[in-house]
């Protein structure tokens, strides 16, 4: 027994796996999309993620130094051609157990704070092969459609060139560039910045004079129109919170829970809040949006006081189903910043790492912060999820001059990209950037990476 981890639950030792120095590898799944993951030697010093949400936030306390920690999944390859040991949650519809591994006298002591199964996989292929086989079974149990995954057309996203200061003029300029350059972009996604603040999704920031009209222009060009939103976030300065203070998740003292800078979390178990979010999404569908990038979704799984007495994971899955019901079966739904295992079977595509950035290294060395190093590391480590859980989104191709090591990132997108998207202002591309963008923006593959 290693002590308390969260919510009064106790880590209990469940297995002892040999771990010879210099041999073997270990994979511990992160709580959400931006959580740092990698295949590591068992004796390696685990990453110390400083981003609260990425390390678990309210849901799972960060691991102690020297302890590898997984959210519902931890796998160990002994490195001696023996079988891979996979420890995985029995059920992720109520809570996701924390699974830990620590080195002690030549062994890895595995512990968990909830029900976990142990699978011994001798099928070959190391961790990637074993996790791929486990993932196929998990996805089937989670209700993945028998018809398989839907391909995602190539996407252009406003957020990585213009940030939240994007305007309708920026989008229109890139629409013209798509036609002039004859790029095969099938979805134009208007990213963060059209709304006044999180929660007030239908109130304009003032940078888009006619958002429904812009969506119509996108569709008139034969493309799908996409919108970014963070449906589980409520800005503390929002009209929504001011007018409906009972629609958010609260801590034991009655204060709105923290859910990102300047935000709290929407309580989708409250009928009023659920009705409001449904109305927002149906309005966007009426405008013509049929691609939805839903971000910062981990806020929907935070623990706290809700209208109904449910766990954070139960509330999260209810929220995802509400979103799908509101937009209907045809639009594409792409998750981001989302709890990994509880999302399987509920989204078409999923971001699998931190945001890409112009800089190669993450700020402060935190592997959950935006950077090429962090995004690439996660895309490689989670490659086994592509084609089994969803179409994996490593994040946008950035090919314009000034992007550090842009050739490396293009190679990563080519090798590990399910979802293919561009984050450049298209008129900012040089000859290499345009050639690379044209070559890599193809419909997403839906099968596993081999």
Protein backbone atom coordinates (compact mmCIF):
# COMPACT_ATOMS: atom_id res chain seq x y z
CA UNK A 1 0.00 0.00 0.00
CA UNK A 2 1.43 3.36 -1.03
CA UNK A 3 -1.05 5.80 0.56
CA UNK A 4 -3.84 8.11 -0.44
CA UNK A 5 -4.11 9.46 -3.98
CA UNK A 6 -7.50 11.16 -4.41
CA UNK A 7 -11.00 11.37 -3.05
CA UNK A 8 -10.08 9.19 -0.09
CA UNK A 9 -9.20 6.25 -2.34
CA UNK A 10 -6.16 4.15 -1.49
CA UNK A 11 -3.42 2.75 -3.73
CA UNK A 12 -3.15 -0.99 -3.11
CA UNK A 13 -0.32 -3.16 -4.41
CA UNK A 14 -1.62 -5.63 -6.99
CA UNK A 15 1.43 -7.07 -8.78
CA UNK A 16 5.21 -7.46 -8.74
CA UNK A 17 6.93 -7.51 -12.16
CA UNK A 18 10.69 -8.14 -12.65
CA UNK A 19 12.54 -5.01 -13.81
CA UNK A 20 16.20 -5.61 -14.49
CA UNK A 21 18.32 -2.44 -14.73
CA UNK A 22 18.88 -1.38 -18.33
CA UNK A 23 16.14 -3.59 -19.74
CA UNK A 24 12.50 -3.24 -20.57
CA UNK A 25 10.11 -0.37 -21.11
CA UNK A 26 6.91 1.00 -19.63
CA UNK A 27 3.91 2.96 -20.91
CA UNK A 28 1.57 4.87 -18.59
CA UNK A 29 -1.49 6.43 -20.23
CA UNK A 30 -2.17 10.08 -19.47
CA UNK A 31 -5.44 11.39 -18.12
CA UNK A 32 -6.23 13.61 -21.11
CA UNK A 33 -5.05 14.61 -24.58
CA UNK A 34 -2.34 17.01 -23.43
CA UNK A 35 -0.93 14.75 -20.70
CA UNK A 36 2.65 13.75 -21.48
CA UNK A 37 3.09 10.12 -22.51
CA UNK A 38 6.09 8.15 -23.74
CA UNK A 39 7.58 4.69 -23.79
CA UNK A 40 10.25 4.84 -21.08
CA UNK A 41 12.66 2.54 -19.25
CA UNK A 42 11.09 1.52 -15.92
CA UNK A 43 14.05 3.01 -14.10
CA UNK A 44 13.74 6.39 -15.87
CA UNK A 45 12.75 9.38 -13.78
CA UNK A 46 9.07 10.02 -14.59
CA UNK A 47 8.20 13.40 -16.06
CA UNK A 48 7.10 16.02 -13.58
CA UNK A 49 4.24 17.75 -15.38
CA UNK A 50 3.46 21.12 -13.87
CA UNK A 51 0.25 21.77 -15.84
CA UNK A 52 -2.47 20.96 -13.33
CA UNK A 53 -5.10 19.74 -15.77
CA UNK A 54 -2.70 17.60 -17.79
CA UNK A 55 -1.43 15.78 -14.70
CA UNK A 56 -4.93 15.04 -13.53
CA UNK A 57 -6.02 18.23 -11.81
CA UNK A 58 -8.85 17.60 -9.42
CA UNK A 59 -9.36 14.10 -10.74
CA UNK A 60 -5.98 12.49 -10.15
CA UNK A 61 -3.17 13.82 -8.00
CA UNK A 62 0.24 14.02 -9.64
CA UNK A 63 2.48 11.06 -8.91
CA UNK A 64 5.27 11.24 -6.34
CA UNK A 65 8.84 11.50 -7.70
CA UNK A 66 10.03 8.10 -8.90
CA UNK A 67 6.51 6.78 -9.48
CA UNK A 68 5.10 6.14 -12.96
CA UNK A 69 1.39 6.89 -13.04
CA UNK A 70 -1.27 5.92 -15.57
CA UNK A 71 -4.92 6.89 -15.85
CA UNK A 72 -6.64 3.55 -16.32
CA UNK A 73 -3.81 1.92 -18.28
CA UNK A 74 -0.21 0.92 -17.59
CA UNK A 75 1.85 -1.60 -19.59
CA UNK A 76 5.26 -3.16 -18.90
CA UNK A 77 7.57 -4.87 -21.40
CA UNK A 78 10.30 -6.78 -19.47
CA UNK A 79 12.69 -6.49 -22.42
CA UNK A 80 13.66 -10.18 -22.38
CA UNK A 81 11.33 -11.26 -25.22
CA UNK A 82 8.83 -12.28 -22.59
CA UNK A 83 5.17 -11.22 -22.65
CA UNK A 84 3.97 -7.69 -22.04
CA UNK A 85 1.94 -7.16 -18.88
CA UNK A 86 -1.02 -4.79 -19.30
CA UNK A 87 -2.89 -3.42 -16.30
CA UNK A 88 -6.14 -1.74 -17.31
CA UNK A 89 -9.34 -0.42 -15.79
CA UNK A 90 -12.23 -2.83 -15.55
CA UNK A 91 -14.71 -0.01 -16.14
CA UNK A 92 -14.21 3.65 -17.14
CA UNK A 93 -17.84 4.78 -17.12
CA UNK A 94 -17.84 5.85 -13.46
CA UNK A 95 -14.22 6.49 -12.46
CA UNK A 96 -10.83 5.87 -14.00
CA UNK A 97 -8.45 4.17 -11.56
CA UNK A 98 -4.97 5.52 -11.01
CA UNK A 99 -2.41 2.79 -11.73
CA UNK A 100 1.13 3.31 -10.47
CA UNK A 101 4.45 1.51 -10.77
CA UNK A 102 7.55 2.05 -8.64
CA UNK A 103 10.94 0.31 -8.72
CA UNK A 104 11.88 -1.67 -5.64
CA UNK A 105 14.79 -4.14 -5.36
CA UNK A 106 14.79 -5.17 -9.03
CA UNK A 107 11.02 -5.27 -9.38
CA UNK A 108 8.23 -2.96 -10.44
CA UNK A 109 5.56 -2.85 -7.76
CA UNK A 110 2.24 -2.10 -9.43
CA UNK A 111 -0.60 -0.56 -7.44
CA UNK A 112 -4.08 0.78 -8.21
CA UNK A 113 -6.86 2.61 -6.42
CA UNK A 114 -9.69 0.81 -8.22
CA UNK A 115 -10.64 -2.35 -10.07
CA UNK A 116 -7.97 -3.36 -12.61
CA UNK A 117 -7.46 -6.38 -14.87
CA UNK A 118 -4.10 -7.92 -15.72
CA UNK A 119 -3.51 -9.13 -19.27
CA UNK A 120 -0.43 -11.08 -20.31
CA UNK A 121 0.26 -10.55 -24.02
CA UNK A 122 2.80 -12.76 -25.80
CA UNK A 123 1.78 -11.69 -29.30
CA UNK A 124 4.98 -9.84 -30.19
CA UNK A 125 5.60 -6.29 -31.30
CA UNK A 126 6.58 -5.01 -27.87
CA UNK A 127 4.45 -2.41 -26.14
CA UNK A 128 2.99 -1.05 -29.38
CA UNK A 129 1.81 -4.45 -30.57
CA UNK A 130 0.38 -5.44 -27.19
CA UNK A 131 -1.38 -2.11 -26.69
CA UNK A 132 -2.86 -2.29 -30.19
CA UNK A 133 -4.38 -5.69 -29.50
CA UNK A 134 -5.71 -4.54 -26.15
CA UNK A 135 -7.11 -1.37 -27.74
CA UNK A 136 -9.10 -3.30 -30.35
CA UNK A 137 -10.87 -5.26 -27.62
CA UNK A 138 -11.41 -2.19 -25.43
CA UNK A 139 -12.89 -0.24 -28.33
CA UNK A 140 -15.33 -3.02 -29.13
CA UNK A 141 -16.46 -3.14 -25.51
CA UNK A 142 -16.83 0.66 -25.52
CA UNK A 143 -19.29 0.46 -28.39
CA UNK A 144 -17.18 1.43 -31.40
CA UNK A 145 -19.39 1.17 -34.49
CA UNK A 146 -19.02 -2.00 -36.49
CA UNK A 147 -18.90 0.10 -39.66
CA UNK A 148 -15.52 1.47 -38.60
CA UNK A 149 -14.17 4.99 -38.48
CA UNK A 150 -15.21 7.85 -40.74
CA UNK A 151 -12.43 9.58 -42.70
CA UNK A 152 -11.88 13.27 -41.99
CA UNK A 153 -11.26 15.59 -44.97
CA UNK A 154 -8.18 17.84 -44.90
CA UNK A 155 -8.75 20.78 -42.54
CA UNK A 156 -7.58 24.39 -42.42
CA UNK A 157 -7.65 25.97 -38.93
CA UNK A 158 -7.42 29.70 -38.14
CA UNK A 159 -5.98 29.38 -34.64
CA UNK A 160 -2.31 28.62 -35.29
CA UNK A 161 -1.57 31.65 -37.45
CA UNK A 162 -3.97 34.22 -35.99
CA UNK A 163 -4.70 32.95 -32.46
CA UNK A 164 -7.82 34.24 -30.77
CA UNK A 165 -7.43 37.56 -32.62
CA UNK A 166 -8.61 36.02 -35.93
CA UNK A 167 -11.14 38.02 -37.94
CA UNK A 168 -13.62 37.22 -40.66
CA UNK A 169 -11.22 38.98 -43.03
CA UNK A 170 -8.47 36.50 -42.16
CA UNK A 171 -10.76 33.57 -42.93
CA UNK A 172 -11.96 35.10 -46.20
CA UNK A 173 -8.38 35.78 -47.31
CA UNK A 174 -7.51 32.13 -46.76
CA UNK A 175 -10.63 30.96 -48.58
CA UNK A 176 -9.44 32.90 -51.61
CA UNK A 177 -5.94 31.44 -51.21
CA UNK A 178 -7.31 27.88 -51.07
CA UNK A 179 -8.99 28.40 -54.43
CA UNK A 180 -6.05 30.21 -56.01
CA UNK A 181 -3.51 27.64 -54.83
CA UNK A 182 -5.82 24.72 -55.62
CA UNK A 183 -5.37 23.10 -52.21
CA UNK A 184 -7.61 20.15 -51.48
CA UNK A 185 -8.92 21.51 -48.19
CA UNK A 186 -12.31 20.03 -47.29
CA UNK A 187 -13.02 21.70 -43.92
CA UNK A 188 -12.47 25.31 -42.83
CA UNK A 189 -12.42 25.52 -39.04
CA UNK A 190 -12.99 28.88 -37.35
CA UNK A 191 -11.03 28.57 -34.14
CA UNK A 192 -11.13 30.41 -30.81
CA UNK A 193 -11.91 34.13 -31.00
CA UNK A 194 -15.35 34.46 -32.61
CA UNK A 195 -17.16 34.30 -29.22
CA UNK A 196 -17.27 36.96 -26.52
CA UNK A 197 -16.02 34.57 -23.83
CA UNK A 198 -16.37 30.84 -23.04
CA UNK A 199 -20.00 30.12 -22.30
CA UNK A 200 -21.31 33.10 -24.27
CA UNK A 201 -20.86 31.21 -27.53
CA UNK A 202 -23.54 33.03 -29.51
CA UNK A 203 -22.33 36.50 -28.52
CA UNK A 204 -19.79 37.98 -30.94
CA UNK A 205 -16.30 39.06 -29.97
CA UNK A 206 -16.72 41.87 -32.51
CA UNK A 207 -14.17 40.39 -34.91
CA UNK A 208 -16.76 38.53 -36.99
CA UNK A 209 -19.45 40.79 -38.39
CA UNK A 210 -21.65 37.94 -39.64
CA UNK A 211 -20.58 34.47 -38.48
CA UNK A 212 -23.58 32.66 -40.02
CA UNK A 213 -22.90 34.47 -43.29
CA UNK A 214 -19.23 33.45 -43.19
CA UNK A 215 -20.20 29.83 -42.62
CA UNK A 216 -22.45 30.16 -45.68
CA UNK A 217 -19.52 31.47 -47.74
CA UNK A 218 -17.44 28.45 -46.68
CA UNK A 219 -20.18 26.06 -47.70
CA UNK A 220 -20.82 27.86 -50.98
CA UNK A 221 -17.21 27.04 -51.88
CA UNK A 222 -17.94 23.32 -51.53
CA UNK A 223 -16.27 22.92 -48.14
CA UNK A 224 -17.51 21.89 -44.73
CA UNK A 225 -17.66 24.62 -42.09
CA UNK A 226 -16.11 23.91 -38.70
CA UNK A 227 -16.28 25.67 -35.36
CA UNK A 228 -14.04 25.36 -32.33
CA UNK A 229 -15.65 25.59 -28.92
CA UNK A 230 -14.97 24.54 -25.35
CA UNK A 231 -18.49 23.47 -24.36
CA UNK A 232 -17.61 22.48 -20.81
CA UNK A 233 -16.01 25.84 -19.94
CA UNK A 234 -17.82 28.87 -18.51
CA UNK A 235 -15.93 32.15 -18.32
CA UNK A 236 -16.05 33.82 -14.91
CA UNK A 237 -16.86 37.09 -16.68
CA UNK A 238 -19.58 35.51 -18.82
CA UNK A 239 -23.22 36.53 -18.91
CA UNK A 240 -23.99 32.83 -18.56
CA UNK A 241 -22.43 32.61 -15.11
CA UNK A 242 -23.87 35.95 -14.01
CA UNK A 243 -27.40 34.99 -15.08
CA UNK A 244 -27.28 31.30 -14.10
CA UNK A 245 -24.87 30.77 -11.19
CA UNK A 246 -26.49 27.41 -10.43
CA UNK A 247 -25.39 25.93 -13.75
CA UNK A 248 -21.73 25.33 -12.84
CA UNK A 249 -19.83 22.73 -10.84
CA UNK A 250 -18.88 23.86 -7.33
CA UNK A 251 -16.33 22.79 -4.76
CA UNK A 252 -17.23 21.67 -1.21
CA UNK A 253 -17.20 25.28 -0.02
CA UNK A 254 -19.71 26.28 -2.69
CA UNK A 255 -17.27 28.15 -4.95
CA UNK A 256 -17.14 27.47 -8.73
CA UNK A 257 -14.42 24.92 -9.42
CA UNK A 258 -11.35 26.12 -11.35
CA UNK A 259 -11.33 24.85 -14.93
CA UNK A 260 -8.63 26.71 -16.79
CA UNK A 261 -7.59 30.37 -16.73
CA UNK A 262 -10.57 32.55 -15.92
CA UNK A 263 -13.07 29.72 -16.25
CA UNK A 264 -15.18 27.24 -14.33
CA UNK A 265 -17.03 24.10 -15.49
CA UNK A 266 -20.55 23.71 -16.84
CA UNK A 267 -22.79 21.27 -14.96
CA UNK A 268 -24.47 19.31 -17.72
CA UNK A 269 -26.53 17.37 -15.15
CA UNK A 270 -28.53 20.56 -14.54
CA UNK A 271 -31.53 20.60 -16.92
CA UNK A 272 -31.12 24.32 -17.57
CA UNK A 273 -27.44 24.02 -18.43
CA UNK A 274 -28.04 20.96 -20.62
CA UNK A 275 -30.83 22.76 -22.44
CA UNK A 276 -28.66 25.83 -22.97
CA UNK A 277 -25.75 23.85 -24.45
CA UNK A 278 -28.14 21.89 -26.67
CA UNK A 279 -29.61 25.16 -27.94
CA UNK A 280 -26.15 26.61 -28.71
CA UNK A 281 -25.13 23.58 -30.72
CA UNK A 282 -28.40 23.37 -32.62
CA UNK A 283 -28.09 27.04 -33.52
CA UNK A 284 -24.60 26.40 -34.90
CA UNK A 285 -25.95 23.47 -36.90
CA UNK A 286 -28.68 25.74 -38.28
CA UNK A 287 -25.94 28.13 -39.40
CA UNK A 288 -24.45 25.24 -41.39
CA UNK A 289 -21.56 24.11 -39.17
CA UNK A 290 -20.99 20.38 -39.52
CA UNK A 291 -17.51 19.92 -38.03
CA UNK A 292 -17.05 20.58 -34.33
CA UNK A 293 -13.69 20.75 -32.56
CA UNK A 294 -14.56 20.48 -28.86
CA UNK A 295 -11.64 21.50 -26.65
CA UNK A 296 -10.73 21.60 -22.95
CA UNK A 297 -13.14 18.72 -22.46
CA UNK A 298 -11.46 17.56 -19.24
CA UNK A 299 -13.38 20.36 -17.49
CA UNK A 300 -16.51 18.24 -17.89
CA UNK A 301 -14.95 15.47 -15.80
CA UNK A 302 -13.81 17.53 -12.83
CA UNK A 303 -15.07 16.38 -9.45
CA UNK A 304 -17.39 18.64 -7.50
CA UNK A 305 -20.95 19.35 -6.47
CA UNK A 306 -23.44 18.99 -9.30
CA UNK A 307 -27.21 19.13 -9.67
CA UNK A 308 -27.15 15.33 -9.74
CA UNK A 309 -24.93 13.16 -7.56
CA UNK A 310 -22.66 11.65 -10.21
CA UNK A 311 -18.92 11.25 -10.61
CA UNK A 312 -16.92 13.50 -12.88
CA UNK A 313 -16.52 10.74 -15.47
CA UNK A 314 -20.25 10.03 -15.50
CA UNK A 315 -20.95 13.73 -16.05
CA UNK A 316 -18.31 13.87 -18.78
CA UNK A 317 -19.76 11.00 -20.77
CA UNK A 318 -23.25 12.43 -20.38
CA UNK A 319 -21.94 15.71 -21.79
CA UNK A 320 -20.36 14.01 -24.81
CA UNK A 321 -23.59 12.18 -25.58
CA UNK A 322 -25.55 15.42 -25.19
CA UNK A 323 -23.24 17.07 -27.73
CA UNK A 324 -23.67 14.26 -30.25
CA UNK A 325 -27.44 14.25 -29.82
CA UNK A 326 -27.55 18.03 -30.31
CA UNK A 327 -25.48 18.12 -33.51
CA UNK A 328 -26.86 14.89 -34.95
CA UNK A 329 -25.09 11.87 -36.46
CA UNK A 330 -23.64 13.45 -39.61
CA UNK A 331 -21.24 16.20 -38.38
CA UNK A 332 -17.69 15.23 -37.53
CA UNK A 333 -16.80 15.51 -33.83
CA UNK A 334 -13.16 16.04 -32.85
CA UNK A 335 -12.10 15.92 -29.20
CA UNK A 336 -9.29 17.85 -27.56
CA UNK A 337 -7.98 18.19 -24.01
CA UNK A 338 -10.23 15.23 -23.35
CA UNK A 339 -10.03 12.30 -20.92
CA UNK A 340 -8.64 9.48 -23.06
CA UNK A 341 -10.30 6.20 -22.07
CA UNK A 342 -13.78 7.64 -21.28
CA UNK A 343 -13.92 9.19 -24.77
CA UNK A 344 -13.51 5.99 -26.78
CA UNK A 345 -16.51 5.38 -29.02
CA UNK A 346 -17.89 8.90 -28.52
CA UNK A 347 -15.79 11.03 -30.93
CA UNK A 348 -14.68 10.62 -34.55
CA UNK A 349 -11.20 12.01 -34.04
CA UNK A 350 -9.04 13.00 -31.09
CA UNK A 351 -6.06 15.21 -30.43
CA UNK A 352 -3.41 12.96 -28.94
CA UNK A 353 -0.94 15.51 -27.60
CA UNK A 354 -0.23 19.09 -26.59
CA UNK A 355 -0.62 21.92 -29.10
CA UNK A 356 1.99 22.33 -31.79
CA UNK A 357 3.84 25.65 -31.67
CA UNK A 358 6.41 27.63 -33.63
CA UNK A 359 8.94 26.77 -30.91
CA UNK A 360 10.51 23.31 -30.72
CA UNK A 361 10.97 23.24 -26.93
CA UNK A 362 8.09 23.62 -24.45
CA UNK A 363 8.01 26.56 -22.06
CA UNK A 364 9.72 25.76 -18.77
CA UNK A 365 10.51 22.24 -19.97
CA UNK A 366 6.94 21.13 -19.16
CA UNK A 367 6.11 18.28 -21.58
CA UNK A 368 2.40 19.16 -21.53
CA UNK A 369 2.97 22.70 -22.87
CA UNK A 370 2.69 23.68 -26.56
CA UNK A 371 5.79 22.77 -28.57
CA UNK A 372 6.92 20.53 -31.36
CA UNK A 373 8.87 18.28 -29.00
CA UNK A 374 5.84 17.63 -26.78
CA UNK A 375 3.38 17.17 -29.66
CA UNK A 376 5.70 14.78 -31.51
CA UNK A 377 6.47 12.72 -28.44
CA UNK A 378 2.79 12.10 -27.73
CA UNK A 379 1.92 11.35 -31.35
CA UNK A 380 4.56 8.61 -31.46
CA UNK A 381 3.66 7.17 -28.05
CA UNK A 382 -0.07 7.05 -28.82
CA UNK A 383 0.30 5.71 -32.37
CA UNK A 384 -1.42 2.49 -31.34
CA UNK A 385 -4.69 4.42 -30.82
CA UNK A 386 -4.98 5.45 -34.50
CA UNK A 387 -7.61 3.41 -36.32
CA UNK A 388 -8.65 1.62 -33.16
CA UNK A 389 -10.01 4.33 -30.85
CA UNK A 390 -10.42 7.14 -33.42
CA UNK A 391 -8.68 9.05 -36.17
CA UNK A 392 -5.71 10.44 -34.26
CA UNK A 393 -4.94 14.16 -34.60
CA UNK A 394 -1.26 14.98 -33.93
CA UNK A 395 -2.16 18.66 -34.53
CA UNK A 396 -1.80 21.02 -37.46
CA UNK A 397 0.96 20.98 -40.00
CA UNK A 398 2.97 24.20 -39.60
CA UNK A 399 5.09 24.65 -42.71
CA UNK A 400 5.66 28.42 -42.94
CA UNK A 401 9.10 29.99 -42.56
CA UNK A 402 10.02 30.72 -38.97
CA UNK A 403 8.66 27.43 -37.59
CA UNK A 404 11.55 25.73 -35.86
CA UNK A 405 12.51 22.36 -37.37
CA UNK A 406 9.50 22.46 -39.68
CA UNK A 407 10.89 19.60 -41.80
CA UNK A 408 10.88 17.33 -38.73
CA UNK A 409 7.30 18.23 -37.90
CA UNK A 410 6.16 17.60 -41.49
CA UNK A 411 7.75 14.14 -41.36
CA UNK A 412 5.98 13.43 -38.07
CA UNK A 413 2.60 14.46 -39.52
CA UNK A 414 3.23 12.32 -42.58
CA UNK A 415 4.17 9.27 -40.53
CA UNK A 416 1.72 9.55 -37.67
CA UNK A 417 -1.08 11.77 -38.90
CA UNK A 418 -4.51 10.40 -39.06
CA UNK A 419 -6.26 13.76 -39.23
CA UNK A 420 -4.43 16.10 -41.64
CA UNK A 421 -4.77 19.84 -41.11
CA UNK A 422 -3.00 23.09 -41.89
CA UNK A 423 -2.45 25.83 -39.32
CA UNK A 424 -0.70 28.33 -41.58
CA UNK A 425 -1.92 31.52 -43.13
CA UNK A 426 -1.69 30.16 -46.66
CA UNK A 427 -0.23 33.34 -48.12
CA UNK A 428 2.60 33.05 -45.57
CA UNK A 429 3.92 29.84 -47.12
CA UNK A 430 7.12 29.78 -49.16
CA UNK A 431 7.73 27.31 -51.99
CA UNK A 432 8.74 24.45 -49.65
CA UNK A 433 5.84 25.12 -47.30
CA UNK A 434 3.29 25.20 -50.11
CA UNK A 435 4.65 22.04 -51.72
CA UNK A 436 4.64 20.23 -48.38
CA UNK A 437 1.14 21.41 -47.50
CA UNK A 438 -0.19 20.34 -50.88
CA UNK A 439 1.43 16.90 -50.51
CA UNK A 440 0.34 16.17 -46.95
CA UNK A 441 -3.21 17.54 -46.91
CA UNK A 442 -5.04 14.37 -47.87
CA UNK A 443 -8.11 12.65 -46.36
CA UNK A 444 -7.30 10.92 -43.10
CA UNK A 445 -6.45 7.24 -43.09
CA UNK A 446 -8.81 5.28 -40.86
CA UNK A 447 -6.71 2.15 -40.32
CA UNK A 448 -4.01 1.50 -37.73
CA UNK A 449 -0.47 2.76 -38.25
CA UNK A 450 1.68 -0.21 -39.24
